[in-house]
Amino acid sequence: MNEPLEPGGRAMDGEDRRPEARIGSATQAFVTHRNLLFTVAYEMLGSAADAEDVLQETWLRWVRVDLDAVRDQRAYLIRITTREALTRLRTLRRRKESYVGPWLPEPLLTAPDVAHDVELADSVSMAMLMVLETLTPTERAVFVLREVFDLNYDDIAAAVGKNAAAVRQTAHRARAHVAARRPRGDASPAEIRRALEAFQLAIETGDLQGLMNILAPDVVALGDGGGLAKAALRPMVGADRVARMLEVGLPRVGGELAAQPAQINGGPALIIRLDGRIDHVLSIRIDDGMIGGIYIVRNPEKLSRVERETVVSR
C-alpha cells in the first residue's frame, strides 16, 4: 500500500512523493542504465536508429511505473526495453524483406576498451549480429538476455511473455543454433594489429597481391548498399574474387582515398573516406591471422554512428 500523502504531495514518513520527485527518481535510474538498455535494443535489432526509438518508448513507459513496486530497476527496465524491441523487430523484419541486396547491421564506432570485455565485444560484433539474424525474435531476445546480460530465467520470462520452463528450452535451442553458426574469429591482439595494418596498406595502395596475402582462401565478403550505394547483391566467396572486388571497387585518383583504422562493433575495421567524406566501412573478422570475413557497409543511411563513439555496456 502506498504511504499516505500530506497536502502538496509529501509522504507522512518524510519521503517526497510529489510528481516531480518521482520523475526525478525515474530519470536517474533510466540515465544510470541507458547505455546498457541501448546495447540490449541494438543487439536485438542491429539498428542504432531503431534502438534509439525503442529507448524513447522505454522511457515513456518507465516514467509511468510505480517505482515503489519495482524490486530490481535494472531488470525491470530491460524487461520494458525487450518488449519494445520485440515489437520493433517484427516491423524491422518486414522492412528487410524489401531491402535491396544483403542487409548488414548498422556499424558503431566503439571505444577501444570494449575489446577488453571479450564477451561484450563478441556480442556486438558484425559476425555475431548476423548469426542472431537467423534466430526467431523470441530466441534472439532470450539468447541476448541470458548469454550477454545474465538475466535469470524468471526475469527473461517476464520480458518475453513466456514461463520460465519454456524460456529454459528456448535458451538451450538458441545456444545450440548460435554455436553451430558462429564464426570462430580467434585472433590475438598482435595478430589483429598485423592483419589490419596489412589490409590498410593493401587497400590504400591498390596492392592486389597484398590483399591476396592477407585474405583466407575461403574468405566471405558481404556488402550493404541498400539500393543507395553500389554494393554486391550477393555474398562473394574466395580470396581471388574478394581481392579483385576490393581492388577495382575503390577509386585512387590524386590520393583522394584514405583508410582510417577504427574499432567498429568491438572489432577491427577501416573507415574509408573519399575526399574527406565517409564513403563506407570495412569491418573484418580475423581467423588465425588471416581475414576470414569482410562486412562492407556502404548504405549512407547507416554511417552516422561511425563519426563518434557509441558507448555499449552490460
C-alpha atoms as a PDB file:
ATOM      1  CA  MET A   1       0.000   0.000   0.000  1.00  0.00           C
ATOM      2  CA  ASN A   2       1.291   3.494  -0.788  1.00  0.00           C
ATOM      3  CA  GLU A   3       2.175   5.767   2.123  1.00  0.00           C
ATOM      4  CA  PRO A   4      -0.490   8.438   2.918  1.00  0.00           C
ATOM      5  CA  LEU A   5       0.389  11.808   1.463  1.00  0.00           C
ATOM      6  CA  GLU A   6       0.368  15.153   3.177  1.00  0.00           C
ATOM      7  CA  PRO A   7      -1.155  18.116   1.327  1.00  0.00           C
ATOM      8  CA  GLY A   8       1.168  19.105  -1.508  1.00  0.00           C
ATOM      9  CA  GLY A   9       2.205  15.519  -2.205  1.00  0.00           C
ATOM     10  CA  ARG A  10       4.742  14.794   0.564  1.00  0.00           C
ATOM     11  CA  ALA A  11       4.555  11.424   2.313  1.00  0.00           C
ATOM     12  CA  MET A  12       3.932  11.470   6.073  1.00  0.00           C
ATOM     13  CA  ASP A  13       7.127   9.436   6.595  1.00  0.00           C
ATOM     14  CA  GLY A  14       9.164  12.286   5.115  1.00  0.00           C
ATOM     15  CA  GLU A  15       9.759  10.687   1.721  1.00  0.00           C
ATOM     16  CA  ASP A  16       8.989  13.050  -1.161  1.00  0.00           C
ATOM     17  CA  ARG A  17       6.155  11.619  -3.281  1.00  0.00           C
ATOM     18  CA  ARG A  18       5.489  14.687  -5.421  1.00  0.00           C
ATOM     19  CA  PRO A  19       5.278  14.006  -9.187  1.00  0.00           C
ATOM     20  CA  GLU A  20       8.464  15.940  -9.902  1.00  0.00           C
ATOM     21  CA  ALA A  21      10.342  13.911  -7.277  1.00  0.00           C
ATOM     22  CA  ARG A  22       9.080  10.625  -8.740  1.00  0.00           C
ATOM     23  CA  ILE A  23      10.041  11.727 -12.245  1.00  0.00           C
ATOM     24  CA  GLY A  24      13.462  12.725 -10.938  1.00  0.00           C
ATOM     25  CA  SER A  25      13.986   9.261  -9.453  1.00  0.00           C
ATOM     26  CA  ALA A  26      12.806   7.611 -12.658  1.00  0.00           C
ATOM     27  CA  THR A  27      15.134   9.798 -14.706  1.00  0.00           C
ATOM     28  CA  GLN A  28      18.115   8.977 -12.526  1.00  0.00           C
ATOM     29  CA  ALA A  29      17.507   5.234 -12.875  1.00  0.00           C
ATOM     30  CA  PHE A  30      16.989   5.489 -16.620  1.00  0.00           C
ATOM     31  CA  VAL A  31      20.167   7.522 -17.155  1.00  0.00           C
ATOM     32  CA  THR A  32      22.147   5.092 -14.979  1.00  0.00           C
ATOM     33  CA  HIS A  33      21.151   2.155 -17.197  1.00  0.00           C
ATOM     34  CA  ARG A  34      20.760   3.946 -20.536  1.00  0.00           C
ATOM     35  CA  ASN A  35      23.913   2.581 -22.204  1.00  0.00           C
ATOM     36  CA  LEU A  36      23.002  -0.948 -21.149  1.00  0.00           C
ATOM     37  CA  LEU A  37      19.444  -0.526 -22.466  1.00  0.00           C
ATOM     38  CA  PHE A  38      20.749   0.792 -25.782  1.00  0.00           C
ATOM     39  CA  THR A  39      23.014  -2.250 -26.040  1.00  0.00           C
ATOM     40  CA  VAL A  40      20.104  -4.613 -25.355  1.00  0.00           C
ATOM     41  CA  ALA A  41      17.978  -2.939 -28.024  1.00  0.00           C
ATOM     42  CA  TYR A  42      20.830  -2.772 -30.531  1.00  0.00           C
ATOM     43  CA  GLU A  43      21.703  -6.458 -30.104  1.00  0.00           C
ATOM     44  CA  MET A  44      18.042  -7.274 -30.618  1.00  0.00           C
ATOM     45  CA  LEU A  45      17.682  -5.098 -33.723  1.00  0.00           C
ATOM     46  CA  GLY A  46      21.093  -4.496 -35.309  1.00  0.00           C
ATOM     47  CA  SER A  47      19.989  -0.913 -35.905  1.00  0.00           C
ATOM     48  CA  ALA A  48      21.116   2.025 -33.785  1.00  0.00           C
ATOM     49  CA  ALA A  49      18.338   4.248 -35.121  1.00  0.00           C
ATOM     50  CA  ASP A  50      15.662   1.720 -34.163  1.00  0.00           C
ATOM     51  CA  ALA A  51      17.375   1.110 -30.816  1.00  0.00           C
ATOM     52  CA  GLU A  52      17.110   4.825 -30.022  1.00  0.00           C
ATOM     53  CA  ASP A  53      13.400   4.748 -30.878  1.00  0.00           C
ATOM     54  CA  VAL A  54      12.984   1.788 -28.538  1.00  0.00           C
ATOM     55  CA  LEU A  55      14.678   3.742 -25.750  1.00  0.00           C
ATOM     56  CA  GLN A  56      12.221   6.605 -26.261  1.00  0.00           C
ATOM     57  CA  GLU A  57       9.308   4.201 -25.852  1.00  0.00           C
ATOM     58  CA  THR A  58      11.008   2.607 -22.848  1.00  0.00           C
ATOM     59  CA  TRP A  59      11.297   5.981 -21.153  1.00  0.00           C
ATOM     60  CA  LEU A  60       7.640   6.847 -21.788  1.00  0.00           C
ATOM     61  CA  ARG A  61       6.555   3.567 -20.181  1.00  0.00           C
ATOM     62  CA  TRP A  62       9.100   3.688 -17.366  1.00  0.00           C
ATOM     63  CA  VAL A  63       8.090   7.152 -16.193  1.00  0.00           C
ATOM     64  CA  ARG A  64       4.558   5.843 -15.514  1.00  0.00           C
ATOM     65  CA  VAL A  65       5.768   2.902 -13.380  1.00  0.00           C
ATOM     66  CA  ASP A  66       5.246   2.870  -9.601  1.00  0.00           C
ATOM     67  CA  LEU A  67       8.898   2.674  -8.562  1.00  0.00           C
ATOM     68  CA  ASP A  68       7.987   1.559  -5.034  1.00  0.00           C
ATOM     69  CA  ALA A  69       6.696  -1.690  -6.520  1.00  0.00           C
ATOM     70  CA  VAL A  70       9.864  -2.371  -8.531  1.00  0.00           C
ATOM     71  CA  ARG A  71      12.190  -4.922  -6.930  1.00  0.00           C
ATOM     72  CA  ASP A  72      15.055  -4.646  -9.442  1.00  0.00           C
ATOM     73  CA  GLN A  73      15.125  -1.483 -11.545  1.00  0.00           C
ATOM     74  CA  ARG A  74      17.763  -2.808 -13.961  1.00  0.00           C
ATOM     75  CA  ALA A  75      15.771  -5.966 -14.695  1.00  0.00           C
ATOM     76  CA  TYR A  76      12.510  -4.040 -14.985  1.00  0.00           C
ATOM     77  CA  LEU A  77      13.994  -1.548 -17.448  1.00  0.00           C
ATOM     78  CA  ILE A  78      15.456  -4.383 -19.505  1.00  0.00           C
ATOM     79  CA  ARG A  79      12.017  -6.018 -19.490  1.00  0.00           C
ATOM     80  CA  ILE A  80      10.379  -2.896 -20.942  1.00  0.00           C
ATOM     81  CA  THR A  81      13.173  -2.442 -23.493  1.00  0.00           C
ATOM     82  CA  THR A  82      12.945  -6.075 -24.586  1.00  0.00           C
ATOM     83  CA  ARG A  83       9.196  -5.902 -25.110  1.00  0.00           C
ATOM     84  CA  GLU A  84       9.519  -2.718 -27.164  1.00  0.00           C
ATOM     85  CA  ALA A  85      12.412  -4.220 -29.155  1.00  0.00           C
ATOM     86  CA  LEU A  86      10.406  -7.366 -29.921  1.00  0.00           C
ATOM     87  CA  THR A  87       7.593  -5.224 -31.318  1.00  0.00           C
ATOM     88  CA  ARG A  88      10.083  -3.198 -33.369  1.00  0.00           C
ATOM     89  CA  LEU A  89      11.915  -6.341 -34.515  1.00  0.00           C
ATOM     90  CA  ARG A  90       8.823  -7.721 -36.198  1.00  0.00           C
ATOM     91  CA  THR A  91       8.372  -4.435 -38.096  1.00  0.00           C
ATOM     92  CA  LEU A  92      12.050  -4.380 -38.998  1.00  0.00           C
ATOM     93  CA  ARG A  93      11.882  -7.913 -40.385  1.00  0.00           C
ATOM     94  CA  ARG A  94       9.087  -6.891 -42.749  1.00  0.00           C
ATOM     95  CA  ARG A  95      11.217  -3.936 -43.862  1.00  0.00           C
ATOM     96  CA  LYS A  96      14.163  -6.238 -44.574  1.00  0.00           C
ATOM     97  CA  GLU A  97      12.053  -8.357 -46.919  1.00  0.00           C
ATOM     98  CA  SER A  98      12.044  -5.483 -49.435  1.00  0.00           C
ATOM     99  CA  TYR A  99      15.661  -4.436 -48.773  1.00  0.00           C
ATOM    100  CA  VAL A 100      17.900  -4.225 -51.852  1.00  0.00           C
ATOM    101  CA  GLY A 101      20.756  -6.727 -51.528  1.00  0.00           C
ATOM    102  CA  PRO A 102      22.194  -8.143 -48.284  1.00  0.00           C
ATOM    103  CA  TRP A 103      21.228  -6.413 -45.051  1.00  0.00           C
ATOM    104  CA  LEU A 104      24.036  -5.722 -42.575  1.00  0.00           C
ATOM    105  CA  PRO A 105      23.811  -4.258 -39.068  1.00  0.00           C
ATOM    106  CA  GLU A 106      24.339  -0.540 -38.635  1.00  0.00           C
ATOM    107  CA  PRO A 107      28.053  -0.149 -37.734  1.00  0.00           C
ATOM    108  CA  LEU A 108      29.007   1.504 -34.453  1.00  0.00           C
ATOM    109  CA  LEU A 109      32.298   3.211 -33.680  1.00  0.00           C
ATOM    110  CA  THR A 110      33.109   1.742 -30.267  1.00  0.00           C
ATOM    111  CA  ALA A 111      35.708   2.689 -27.669  1.00  0.00           C
ATOM    112  CA  PRO A 112      38.967   0.681 -27.536  1.00  0.00           C
ATOM    113  CA  ASP A 113      38.165  -0.632 -24.044  1.00  0.00           C
ATOM    114  CA  VAL A 114      35.175  -2.580 -25.400  1.00  0.00           C
ATOM    115  CA  ALA A 115      37.629  -5.099 -26.848  1.00  0.00           C
ATOM    116  CA  HIS A 116      38.821  -5.860 -23.290  1.00  0.00           C
ATOM    117  CA  ASP A 117      35.388  -7.298 -22.459  1.00  0.00           C
ATOM    118  CA  VAL A 118      35.615 -10.263 -24.802  1.00  0.00           C
ATOM    119  CA  GLU A 119      32.007 -11.391 -24.313  1.00  0.00           C
ATOM    120  CA  LEU A 120      30.584  -7.905 -24.892  1.00  0.00           C
ATOM    121  CA  ALA A 121      32.769  -7.299 -27.951  1.00  0.00           C
ATOM    122  CA  ASP A 122      31.732 -10.660 -29.402  1.00  0.00           C
ATOM    123  CA  SER A 123      28.050  -9.995 -28.739  1.00  0.00           C
ATOM    124  CA  VAL A 124      28.017  -6.722 -30.713  1.00  0.00           C
ATOM    125  CA  SER A 125      30.349  -7.925 -33.481  1.00  0.00           C
ATOM    126  CA  MET A 126      29.117  -7.929 -37.062  1.00  0.00           C
ATOM    127  CA  ALA A 127      29.631 -11.689 -37.228  1.00  0.00           C
ATOM    128  CA  MET A 128      27.521 -12.378 -34.122  1.00  0.00           C
ATOM    129  CA  LEU A 129      24.772  -9.962 -35.113  1.00  0.00           C
ATOM    130  CA  MET A 130      24.492 -11.742 -38.456  1.00  0.00           C
ATOM    131  CA  VAL A 131      24.116 -15.067 -36.624  1.00  0.00           C
ATOM    132  CA  LEU A 132      21.448 -13.551 -34.365  1.00  0.00           C
ATOM    133  CA  GLU A 133      19.539 -12.602 -37.511  1.00  0.00           C
ATOM    134  CA  THR A 134      18.899 -16.321 -38.095  1.00  0.00           C
ATOM    135  CA  LEU A 135      17.053 -16.726 -34.768  1.00  0.00           C
ATOM    136  CA  THR A 136      13.350 -16.149 -34.216  1.00  0.00           C
ATOM    137  CA  PRO A 137      12.563 -12.897 -32.349  1.00  0.00           C
ATOM    138  CA  THR A 138      11.893 -14.723 -29.078  1.00  0.00           C
ATOM    139  CA  GLU A 139      15.022 -16.885 -29.419  1.00  0.00           C
ATOM    140  CA  ARG A 140      17.072 -13.776 -30.075  1.00  0.00           C
ATOM    141  CA  ALA A 141      15.690 -11.999 -27.014  1.00  0.00           C
ATOM    142  CA  VAL A 142      16.245 -14.997 -24.760  1.00  0.00           C
ATOM    143  CA  PHE A 143      19.787 -15.580 -26.038  1.00  0.00           C
ATOM    144  CA  VAL A 144      20.788 -11.935 -25.624  1.00  0.00           C
ATOM    145  CA  LEU A 145      19.277 -11.542 -22.165  1.00  0.00           C
ATOM    146  CA  ARG A 146      20.698 -14.809 -20.832  1.00  0.00           C
ATOM    147  CA  GLU A 147      24.082 -15.132 -22.532  1.00  0.00           C
ATOM    148  CA  VAL A 148      25.107 -11.463 -22.670  1.00  0.00           C
ATOM    149  CA  PHE A 149      23.285  -9.764 -19.797  1.00  0.00           C
ATOM    150  CA  ASP A 150      22.970 -12.769 -17.460  1.00  0.00           C
ATOM    151  CA  LEU A 151      19.336 -12.220 -16.514  1.00  0.00           C
ATOM    152  CA  ASN A 152      17.693 -15.002 -14.559  1.00  0.00           C
ATOM    153  CA  TYR A 153      15.040 -17.111 -16.244  1.00  0.00           C
ATOM    154  CA  ASP A 154      12.156 -15.577 -14.297  1.00  0.00           C
ATOM    155  CA  ASP A 155      13.069 -12.051 -15.419  1.00  0.00           C
ATOM    156  CA  ILE A 156      13.526 -13.226 -19.001  1.00  0.00           C
ATOM    157  CA  ALA A 157      10.157 -14.965 -18.861  1.00  0.00           C
ATOM    158  CA  ALA A 158       8.522 -11.711 -17.762  1.00  0.00           C
ATOM    159  CA  ALA A 159      10.244  -9.870 -20.616  1.00  0.00           C
ATOM    160  CA  VAL A 160       9.197 -12.250 -23.401  1.00  0.00           C
ATOM    161  CA  GLY A 161       5.815 -13.307 -22.064  1.00  0.00           C
ATOM    162  CA  LYS A 162       6.671 -16.991 -21.505  1.00  0.00           C
ATOM    163  CA  ASN A 163       7.003 -19.163 -18.428  1.00  0.00           C
ATOM    164  CA  ALA A 164      10.444 -19.959 -17.022  1.00  0.00           C
ATOM    165  CA  ALA A 165      10.387 -23.595 -18.209  1.00  0.00           C
ATOM    166  CA  ALA A 166       9.667 -22.518 -21.785  1.00  0.00           C
ATOM    167  CA  VAL A 167      12.417 -19.912 -21.573  1.00  0.00           C
ATOM    168  CA  ARG A 168      14.943 -22.559 -20.486  1.00  0.00           C
ATOM    169  CA  GLN A 169      14.063 -24.670 -23.520  1.00  0.00           C
ATOM    170  CA  THR A 170      14.293 -21.642 -25.813  1.00  0.00           C
ATOM    171  CA  ALA A 171      17.670 -20.705 -24.334  1.00  0.00           C
ATOM    172  CA  HIS A 172      19.007 -24.225 -24.919  1.00  0.00           C
ATOM    173  CA  ARG A 173      17.765 -24.210 -28.517  1.00  0.00           C
ATOM    174  CA  ALA A 174      19.163 -20.733 -29.218  1.00  0.00           C
ATOM    175  CA  ARG A 175      22.579 -21.596 -27.744  1.00  0.00           C
ATOM    176  CA  ALA A 176      22.835 -24.684 -29.941  1.00  0.00           C
ATOM    177  CA  HIS A 177      21.760 -22.701 -33.005  1.00  0.00           C
ATOM    178  CA  VAL A 178      24.333 -19.956 -32.378  1.00  0.00           C
ATOM    179  CA  ALA A 179      27.127 -22.403 -31.551  1.00  0.00           C
ATOM    180  CA  ALA A 180      26.595 -24.204 -34.865  1.00  0.00           C
ATOM    181  CA  ARG A 181      26.748 -20.991 -36.900  1.00  0.00           C
ATOM    182  CA  ARG A 182      29.076 -18.559 -35.158  1.00  0.00           C
ATOM    183  CA  PRO A 183      32.436 -17.992 -36.907  1.00  0.00           C
ATOM    184  CA  ARG A 184      35.483 -18.857 -34.865  1.00  0.00           C
ATOM    185  CA  GLY A 185      37.165 -15.457 -35.077  1.00  0.00           C
ATOM    186  CA  ASP A 186      40.129 -16.454 -32.873  1.00  0.00           C
ATOM    187  CA  ALA A 187      42.985 -13.949 -33.013  1.00  0.00           C
ATOM    188  CA  SER A 188      45.427 -12.413 -30.569  1.00  0.00           C
ATOM    189  CA  PRO A 189      45.741  -8.607 -30.311  1.00  0.00           C
ATOM    190  CA  ALA A 190      49.081  -8.859 -32.147  1.00  0.00           C
ATOM    191  CA  GLU A 191      47.501 -10.881 -34.978  1.00  0.00           C
ATOM    192  CA  ILE A 192      44.651  -8.389 -35.247  1.00  0.00           C
ATOM    193  CA  ARG A 193      47.060  -5.459 -35.404  1.00  0.00           C
ATOM    194  CA  ARG A 194      49.258  -7.074 -38.067  1.00  0.00           C
ATOM    195  CA  ALA A 195      46.293  -8.126 -40.197  1.00  0.00           C
ATOM    196  CA  LEU A 196      44.640  -4.709 -40.022  1.00  0.00           C
ATOM    197  CA  GLU A 197      47.888  -2.905 -40.885  1.00  0.00           C
ATOM    198  CA  ALA A 198      48.493  -5.181 -43.881  1.00  0.00           C
ATOM    199  CA  PHE A 199      44.872  -4.787 -45.003  1.00  0.00           C
ATOM    200  CA  GLN A 200      45.044  -0.998 -44.709  1.00  0.00           C
ATOM    201  CA  LEU A 201      48.263  -0.802 -46.737  1.00  0.00           C
ATOM    202  CA  ALA A 202      46.869  -3.025 -49.482  1.00  0.00           C
ATOM    203  CA  ILE A 203      43.612  -1.061 -49.656  1.00  0.00           C
ATOM    204  CA  GLU A 204      45.344   2.327 -49.787  1.00  0.00           C
ATOM    205  CA  THR A 205      47.862   1.295 -52.450  1.00  0.00           C
ATOM    206  CA  GLY A 206      45.599  -0.977 -54.503  1.00  0.00           C
ATOM    207  CA  ASP A 207      48.032  -3.861 -53.975  1.00  0.00           C
ATOM    208  CA  LEU A 208      46.172  -6.888 -55.314  1.00  0.00           C
ATOM    209  CA  GLN A 209      48.833  -9.348 -54.215  1.00  0.00           C
ATOM    210  CA  GLY A 210      48.951  -7.747 -50.780  1.00  0.00           C
ATOM    211  CA  LEU A 211      45.224  -8.326 -50.467  1.00  0.00           C
ATOM    212  CA  MET A 212      45.604 -11.927 -51.600  1.00  0.00           C
ATOM    213  CA  ASN A 213      48.292 -12.482 -48.966  1.00  0.00           C
ATOM    214  CA  ILE A 214      46.085 -11.402 -46.060  1.00  0.00           C
ATOM    215  CA  LEU A 215      42.774 -12.963 -47.151  1.00  0.00           C
ATOM    216  CA  ALA A 216      41.890 -16.508 -46.101  1.00  0.00           C
ATOM    217  CA  PRO A 217      41.266 -18.825 -49.101  1.00  0.00           C
ATOM    218  CA  ASP A 218      37.588 -19.151 -48.157  1.00  0.00           C
ATOM    219  CA  VAL A 219      37.048 -15.518 -47.144  1.00  0.00           C
ATOM    220  CA  VAL A 220      33.459 -14.264 -47.445  1.00  0.00           C
ATOM    221  CA  ALA A 221      32.582 -10.634 -48.189  1.00  0.00           C
ATOM    222  CA  LEU A 222      29.117  -9.147 -47.708  1.00  0.00           C
ATOM    223  CA  GLY A 223      28.157  -5.702 -48.989  1.00  0.00           C
ATOM    224  CA  ASP A 224      25.259  -3.487 -47.939  1.00  0.00           C
ATOM    225  CA  GLY A 225      24.323  -0.603 -50.197  1.00  0.00           C
ATOM    226  CA  GLY A 226      20.594  -0.682 -49.536  1.00  0.00           C
ATOM    227  CA  GLY A 227      19.930   0.417 -53.102  1.00  0.00           C
ATOM    228  CA  LEU A 228      21.500   3.794 -52.278  1.00  0.00           C
ATOM    229  CA  ALA A 229      25.138   2.959 -52.992  1.00  0.00           C
ATOM    230  CA  LYS A 230      26.920   0.444 -55.208  1.00  0.00           C
ATOM    231  CA  ALA A 231      27.417  -2.916 -53.499  1.00  0.00           C
ATOM    232  CA  ALA A 232      27.475  -6.584 -54.453  1.00  0.00           C
ATOM    233  CA  LEU A 233      23.967  -8.053 -54.360  1.00  0.00           C
ATOM    234  CA  ARG A 234      25.230 -11.480 -53.302  1.00  0.00           C
ATOM    235  CA  PRO A 235      27.968 -12.701 -50.957  1.00  0.00           C
ATOM    236  CA  MET A 236      31.389 -13.033 -52.567  1.00  0.00           C
ATOM    237  CA  VAL A 237      33.491 -16.061 -51.644  1.00  0.00           C
ATOM    238  CA  GLY A 238      37.181 -16.786 -52.176  1.00  0.00           C
ATOM    239  CA  ALA A 239      40.351 -14.733 -51.843  1.00  0.00           C
ATOM    240  CA  ASP A 240      40.750 -14.077 -55.571  1.00  0.00           C
ATOM    241  CA  ARG A 241      37.203 -12.817 -56.123  1.00  0.00           C
ATOM    242  CA  VAL A 242      37.140 -10.732 -52.937  1.00  0.00           C
ATOM    243  CA  ALA A 243      40.582  -9.204 -53.576  1.00  0.00           C
ATOM    244  CA  ARG A 244      39.663  -8.196 -57.117  1.00  0.00           C
ATOM    245  CA  MET A 245      36.362  -6.742 -55.946  1.00  0.00           C
ATOM    246  CA  LEU A 246      38.155  -4.637 -53.343  1.00  0.00           C
ATOM    247  CA  GLU A 247      40.973  -3.645 -55.708  1.00  0.00           C
ATOM    248  CA  VAL A 248      38.745  -2.404 -58.522  1.00  0.00           C
ATOM    249  CA  GLY A 249      35.980  -1.028 -56.342  1.00  0.00           C
ATOM    250  CA  LEU A 250      37.925   1.855 -54.803  1.00  0.00           C
ATOM    251  CA  PRO A 251      38.948   4.963 -56.797  1.00  0.00           C
ATOM    252  CA  ARG A 252      42.523   6.097 -56.194  1.00  0.00           C
ATOM    253  CA  VAL A 253      42.929   9.282 -58.203  1.00  0.00           C
ATOM    254  CA  GLY A 254      45.094  12.013 -56.758  1.00  0.00           C
ATOM    255  CA  GLY A 255      45.311  10.412 -53.337  1.00  0.00           C
ATOM    256  CA  GLU A 256      41.630  11.015 -52.632  1.00  0.00           C
ATOM    257  CA  LEU A 257      41.191   7.735 -50.741  1.00  0.00           C
ATOM    258  CA  ALA A 258      42.064   7.421 -47.057  1.00  0.00           C
ATOM    259  CA  ALA A 259      41.627   4.320 -44.900  1.00  0.00           C
ATOM    260  CA  GLN A 260      41.306   5.080 -41.189  1.00  0.00           C
ATOM    261  CA  PRO A 261      41.819   2.196 -38.741  1.00  0.00           C
ATOM    262  CA  ALA A 262      38.982   2.010 -36.255  1.00  0.00           C
ATOM    263  CA  GLN A 263      37.198  -0.260 -33.847  1.00  0.00           C
ATOM    264  CA  ILE A 264      33.746  -0.960 -35.231  1.00  0.00           C
ATOM    265  CA  ASN A 265      31.360  -3.071 -33.156  1.00  0.00           C
ATOM    266  CA  GLY A 266      34.209  -4.055 -30.887  1.00  0.00           C
ATOM    267  CA  GLY A 267      36.419  -5.363 -33.715  1.00  0.00           C
ATOM    268  CA  PRO A 268      38.982  -4.216 -36.303  1.00  0.00           C
ATOM    269  CA  ALA A 269      37.800  -2.139 -39.238  1.00  0.00           C
ATOM    270  CA  LEU A 270      38.706   0.547 -41.735  1.00  0.00           C
ATOM    271  CA  ILE A 271      36.656   3.681 -42.288  1.00  0.00           C
ATOM    272  CA  ILE A 272      37.080   4.594 -45.950  1.00  0.00           C
ATOM    273  CA  ARG A 273      36.960   8.296 -46.820  1.00  0.00           C
ATOM    274  CA  LEU A 274      36.804   9.765 -50.311  1.00  0.00           C
ATOM    275  CA  ASP A 275      37.735  13.453 -50.495  1.00  0.00           C
ATOM    276  CA  GLY A 276      37.393  13.574 -46.710  1.00  0.00           C
ATOM    277  CA  ARG A 277      33.832  12.205 -46.690  1.00  0.00           C
ATOM    278  CA  ILE A 278      32.998   8.822 -45.196  1.00  0.00           C
ATOM    279  CA  ASP A 279      32.149   6.543 -48.112  1.00  0.00           C
ATOM    280  CA  HIS A 280      31.887   3.169 -46.385  1.00  0.00           C
ATOM    281  CA  VAL A 281      33.110   0.930 -43.588  1.00  0.00           C
ATOM    282  CA  LEU A 282      35.082  -2.312 -43.950  1.00  0.00           C
ATOM    283  CA  SER A 283      34.740  -4.462 -40.819  1.00  0.00           C
ATOM    284  CA  ILE A 284      36.887  -7.581 -40.764  1.00  0.00           C
ATOM    285  CA  ARG A 285      36.884 -10.898 -38.922  1.00  0.00           C
ATOM    286  CA  ILE A 286      40.281 -12.491 -38.382  1.00  0.00           C
ATOM    287  CA  ASP A 287      40.891 -16.235 -38.069  1.00  0.00           C
ATOM    288  CA  ASP A 288      44.429 -17.500 -37.360  1.00  0.00           C
ATOM    289  CA  GLY A 289      45.973 -14.241 -38.561  1.00  0.00           C
ATOM    290  CA  MET A 290      44.031 -14.205 -41.859  1.00  0.00           C
ATOM    291  CA  ILE A 291      40.928 -12.242 -42.789  1.00  0.00           C
ATOM    292  CA  GLY A 292      38.040 -14.701 -42.960  1.00  0.00           C
ATOM    293  CA  GLY A 293      35.118 -12.286 -43.191  1.00  0.00           C
ATOM    294  CA  ILE A 294      34.575  -8.754 -44.524  1.00  0.00           C
ATOM    295  CA  TYR A 295      31.446  -6.704 -43.892  1.00  0.00           C
ATOM    296  CA  ILE A 296      31.149  -3.709 -46.212  1.00  0.00           C
ATOM    297  CA  VAL A 297      28.543  -1.111 -45.257  1.00  0.00           C
ATOM    298  CA  ARG A 298      28.004   1.483 -47.988  1.00  0.00           C
ATOM    299  CA  ASN A 299      24.402   2.471 -47.309  1.00  0.00           C
ATOM    300  CA  PRO A 300      24.781   6.168 -46.363  1.00  0.00           C
ATOM    301  CA  GLU A 301      21.803   5.933 -44.019  1.00  0.00           C
ATOM    302  CA  LYS A 302      23.795   3.532 -41.842  1.00  0.00           C
ATOM    303  CA  LEU A 303      27.017   5.533 -41.475  1.00  0.00           C
ATOM    304  CA  SER A 304      26.068   8.218 -38.946  1.00  0.00           C
ATOM    305  CA  ARG A 305      27.326   6.171 -35.977  1.00  0.00           C
ATOM    306  CA  VAL A 306      30.914   5.953 -37.225  1.00  0.00           C
ATOM    307  CA  GLU A 307      31.543   9.695 -36.806  1.00  0.00           C
ATOM    308  CA  ARG A 308      31.529   9.491 -32.995  1.00  0.00           C
ATOM    309  CA  GLU A 309      31.875   6.750 -30.410  1.00  0.00           C
ATOM    310  CA  THR A 310      28.810   4.907 -29.152  1.00  0.00           C
ATOM    311  CA  VAL A 311      29.039   3.516 -25.626  1.00  0.00           C
ATOM    312  CA  VAL A 312      27.926  -0.099 -25.270  1.00  0.00           C
ATOM    313  CA  SER A 313      27.817  -1.822 -21.889  1.00  0.00           C
ATOM    314  CA  ARG A 314      26.287  -4.681 -19.937  1.00  0.00           C
END
